[in-house]
Amino acid sequence: MAHFELPINWTDFEDISMKLYERFGDDFGESKIYRVRFTELLEWVLEIPNFTGKREDCNESYLEMIQSGWVYEWRDNQD
């Protein structure tokens, strides 16, 4: 049975954060995540397999929320 994943859009901050953590794991710690340029972060989000958001619908506050969520996801996995 095929595994179906729901589409992810810009406001699905938690899902995006989990996907980024899955991709980069512990290679990116808190300080490194906060130093990622938004232009780079934007590209990484657009590369998420079931991401359906459009580049032009992104804004800085979405990227800030994604960055924060990614840090929380990283922290949750540090035990």
N, C-alpha and C. Protein backbone atom coordinates (compact mmCIF):
# COMPACT_ATOMS: atom_id res chain seq x y z
N MET A 1 0.84 -1.19 0.00
CA MET A 1 0.00 0.00 0.00
C MET A 1 0.88 1.24 0.00
N ALA A 2 0.64 2.14 -0.91
CA ALA A 2 1.45 3.36 -1.03
C ALA A 2 1.17 4.30 0.12
N HIS A 3 2.22 4.95 0.56
CA HIS A 3 2.09 5.93 1.63
C HIS A 3 1.78 7.30 1.01
N PHE A 4 0.64 7.85 1.40
CA PHE A 4 0.23 9.14 0.82
C PHE A 4 0.47 10.25 1.82
N GLU A 5 1.15 11.30 1.39
CA GLU A 5 1.38 12.45 2.25
C GLU A 5 0.56 13.62 1.76
N LEU A 6 -0.06 14.31 2.69
CA LEU A 6 -0.85 15.48 2.34
C LEU A 6 0.05 16.59 1.80
N PRO A 7 -0.49 17.43 0.94
CA PRO A 7 0.30 18.56 0.44
C PRO A 7 0.69 19.49 1.59
N ILE A 8 1.84 20.09 1.49
CA ILE A 8 2.33 21.05 2.50
C ILE A 8 2.35 22.42 1.85
N ASN A 9 1.87 23.43 2.58
CA ASN A 9 1.88 24.79 2.08
C ASN A 9 2.63 25.70 3.05
N TRP A 10 2.76 26.96 2.70
CA TRP A 10 3.57 27.90 3.49
C TRP A 10 3.18 27.99 4.96
N THR A 11 1.91 27.85 5.29
CA THR A 11 1.49 28.01 6.69
C THR A 11 1.59 26.72 7.50
N ASP A 12 2.06 25.64 6.89
CA ASP A 12 2.25 24.37 7.60
C ASP A 12 3.64 24.34 8.21
N PHE A 13 3.88 25.30 9.10
CA PHE A 13 5.22 25.51 9.66
C PHE A 13 5.80 24.26 10.32
N GLU A 14 4.95 23.57 11.09
CA GLU A 14 5.43 22.40 11.81
C GLU A 14 5.85 21.29 10.84
N ASP A 15 5.04 21.06 9.81
CA ASP A 15 5.37 20.03 8.82
C ASP A 15 6.67 20.37 8.09
N ILE A 16 6.80 21.63 7.70
CA ILE A 16 8.01 22.07 7.00
C ILE A 16 9.23 21.88 7.90
N SER A 17 9.09 22.28 9.15
CA SER A 17 10.20 22.16 10.11
C SER A 17 10.63 20.71 10.28
N MET A 18 9.66 19.81 10.36
CA MET A 18 9.98 18.38 10.49
C MET A 18 10.71 17.88 9.25
N LYS A 19 10.27 18.31 8.07
CA LYS A 19 10.91 17.88 6.83
C LYS A 19 12.36 18.39 6.75
N LEU A 20 12.58 19.63 7.19
CA LEU A 20 13.94 20.17 7.18
C LEU A 20 14.82 19.42 8.16
N TYR A 21 14.27 19.09 9.34
CA TYR A 21 15.06 18.32 10.30
C TYR A 21 15.37 16.93 9.74
N GLU A 22 14.37 16.30 9.09
CA GLU A 22 14.60 14.98 8.49
C GLU A 22 15.72 15.06 7.45
N ARG A 23 15.74 16.14 6.68
CA ARG A 23 16.74 16.29 5.62
C ARG A 23 18.14 16.55 6.18
N PHE A 24 18.25 17.45 7.15
CA PHE A 24 19.57 17.89 7.62
C PHE A 24 19.98 17.31 8.96
N GLY A 25 19.03 16.79 9.72
CA GLY A 25 19.34 16.17 11.01
C GLY A 25 20.15 17.08 11.92
N ASP A 26 21.15 16.49 12.55
CA ASP A 26 21.96 17.24 13.51
C ASP A 26 23.13 17.99 12.86
N ASP A 27 23.19 17.97 11.52
CA ASP A 27 24.20 18.79 10.83
C ASP A 27 23.94 20.27 11.08
N PHE A 28 22.67 20.59 11.33
CA PHE A 28 22.30 21.98 11.60
C PHE A 28 21.82 22.09 13.03
N GLY A 29 22.65 22.69 13.89
CA GLY A 29 22.24 22.96 15.26
C GLY A 29 21.55 24.32 15.31
N GLU A 30 21.13 24.72 16.50
CA GLU A 30 20.37 25.96 16.67
C GLU A 30 21.04 27.18 16.06
N SER A 31 22.31 27.40 16.38
CA SER A 31 22.98 28.61 15.88
C SER A 31 23.14 28.57 14.36
N LYS A 32 23.38 27.38 13.83
CA LYS A 32 23.55 27.26 12.38
C LYS A 32 22.22 27.47 11.66
N ILE A 33 21.14 26.98 12.23
CA ILE A 33 19.80 27.18 11.64
C ILE A 33 19.49 28.67 11.56
N TYR A 34 19.79 29.39 12.65
CA TYR A 34 19.49 30.83 12.67
C TYR A 34 20.40 31.64 11.75
N ARG A 35 21.48 31.03 11.26
CA ARG A 35 22.36 31.74 10.33
C ARG A 35 22.06 31.43 8.86
N VAL A 36 21.11 30.52 8.62
CA VAL A 36 20.74 30.19 7.24
C VAL A 36 20.11 31.42 6.58
N ARG A 37 20.59 31.77 5.40
CA ARG A 37 20.01 32.90 4.66
C ARG A 37 18.61 32.53 4.20
N PHE A 38 17.71 33.51 4.23
CA PHE A 38 16.33 33.24 3.82
C PHE A 38 16.24 32.79 2.37
N THR A 39 17.15 33.28 1.52
CA THR A 39 17.12 32.85 0.12
C THR A 39 17.40 31.35 0.02
N GLU A 40 18.31 30.86 0.86
CA GLU A 40 18.64 29.44 0.89
C GLU A 40 17.49 28.63 1.48
N LEU A 41 16.93 29.12 2.59
CA LEU A 41 15.82 28.45 3.25
C LEU A 41 14.64 28.32 2.30
N LEU A 42 14.35 29.37 1.57
CA LEU A 42 13.26 29.36 0.60
C LEU A 42 13.45 28.24 -0.41
N GLU A 43 14.66 28.09 -0.93
CA GLU A 43 14.93 27.03 -1.92
C GLU A 43 14.74 25.65 -1.31
N TRP A 44 15.21 25.47 -0.08
CA TRP A 44 15.08 24.16 0.59
C TRP A 44 13.62 23.81 0.80
N VAL A 45 12.81 24.78 1.17
CA VAL A 45 11.38 24.52 1.37
C VAL A 45 10.74 24.13 0.05
N LEU A 46 11.07 24.83 -1.01
CA LEU A 46 10.50 24.52 -2.32
C LEU A 46 10.89 23.12 -2.81
N GLU A 47 11.99 22.58 -2.29
CA GLU A 47 12.46 21.24 -2.67
C GLU A 47 11.77 20.11 -1.91
N ILE A 48 10.98 20.42 -0.88
CA ILE A 48 10.28 19.39 -0.12
C ILE A 48 9.31 18.68 -1.07
N PRO A 49 9.38 17.33 -1.14
CA PRO A 49 8.63 16.58 -2.14
C PRO A 49 7.14 16.92 -2.28
N ASN A 50 6.38 17.01 -1.22
CA ASN A 50 4.95 17.27 -1.35
C ASN A 50 4.59 18.72 -1.01
N PHE A 51 5.56 19.62 -1.18
CA PHE A 51 5.31 21.04 -0.94
C PHE A 51 4.63 21.64 -2.16
N THR A 52 3.49 22.30 -1.94
CA THR A 52 2.70 22.84 -3.06
C THR A 52 2.66 24.36 -3.10
N GLY A 53 3.29 25.02 -2.11
CA GLY A 53 3.29 26.48 -2.08
C GLY A 53 4.07 27.07 -3.24
N LYS A 54 3.75 28.27 -3.59
CA LYS A 54 4.42 28.97 -4.68
C LYS A 54 5.45 29.95 -4.10
N ARG A 55 6.55 30.09 -4.81
CA ARG A 55 7.62 31.01 -4.40
C ARG A 55 7.08 32.41 -4.10
N GLU A 56 6.20 32.90 -4.97
CA GLU A 56 5.69 34.28 -4.82
C GLU A 56 4.74 34.45 -3.63
N ASP A 57 4.28 33.35 -3.03
CA ASP A 57 3.40 33.45 -1.86
C ASP A 57 4.18 33.47 -0.55
N CYS A 58 5.49 33.29 -0.63
CA CYS A 58 6.33 33.28 0.56
C CYS A 58 6.57 34.70 1.04
N ASN A 59 6.73 34.85 2.36
CA ASN A 59 7.14 36.15 2.91
C ASN A 59 8.09 35.92 4.08
N GLU A 60 8.68 37.01 4.53
CA GLU A 60 9.70 36.91 5.58
C GLU A 60 9.15 36.31 6.87
N SER A 61 7.91 36.65 7.23
CA SER A 61 7.37 36.11 8.48
C SER A 61 7.17 34.60 8.39
N TYR A 62 6.82 34.08 7.22
CA TYR A 62 6.72 32.62 7.06
C TYR A 62 8.08 31.98 7.28
N LEU A 63 9.11 32.57 6.68
CA LEU A 63 10.45 32.01 6.81
C LEU A 63 10.94 32.08 8.25
N GLU A 64 10.59 33.14 8.97
CA GLU A 64 10.94 33.23 10.39
C GLU A 64 10.26 32.14 11.20
N MET A 65 8.99 31.89 10.90
CA MET A 65 8.25 30.84 11.61
C MET A 65 8.84 29.45 11.30
N ILE A 66 9.21 29.24 10.05
CA ILE A 66 9.82 27.97 9.65
C ILE A 66 11.15 27.78 10.37
N GLN A 67 11.94 28.83 10.41
CA GLN A 67 13.25 28.77 11.08
C GLN A 67 13.08 28.44 12.56
N SER A 68 12.16 29.13 13.23
CA SER A 68 11.90 28.86 14.65
C SER A 68 11.43 27.43 14.86
N GLY A 69 10.51 26.99 14.01
CA GLY A 69 10.00 25.62 14.13
C GLY A 69 11.10 24.59 13.95
N TRP A 70 12.00 24.87 13.02
CA TRP A 70 13.13 23.96 12.77
C TRP A 70 14.01 23.87 14.02
N VAL A 71 14.25 25.00 14.67
CA VAL A 71 15.03 24.99 15.91
C VAL A 71 14.33 24.17 16.98
N TYR A 72 13.02 24.35 17.15
CA TYR A 72 12.27 23.55 18.15
C TYR A 72 12.33 22.08 17.82
N GLU A 73 12.21 21.75 16.53
CA GLU A 73 12.28 20.33 16.10
C GLU A 73 13.66 19.77 16.43
N TRP A 74 14.72 20.55 16.17
CA TRP A 74 16.08 20.12 16.50
C TRP A 74 16.22 19.89 18.01
N ARG A 75 15.71 20.86 18.79
CA ARG A 75 15.80 20.74 20.26
C ARG A 75 15.08 19.50 20.76
N ASP A 76 13.90 19.21 20.19
CA ASP A 76 13.12 18.03 20.62
C ASP A 76 13.86 16.74 20.37
N ASN A 77 14.79 16.74 19.45
CA ASN A 77 15.51 15.51 19.09
C ASN A 77 16.89 15.43 19.74
N GLN A 78 17.17 16.25 20.72
CA GLN A 78 18.49 16.27 21.34
C GLN A 78 18.61 15.45 22.61
N ASP A 79 17.62 14.67 22.94
CA ASP A 79 17.69 13.86 24.18
C ASP A 79 18.50 12.61 24.04
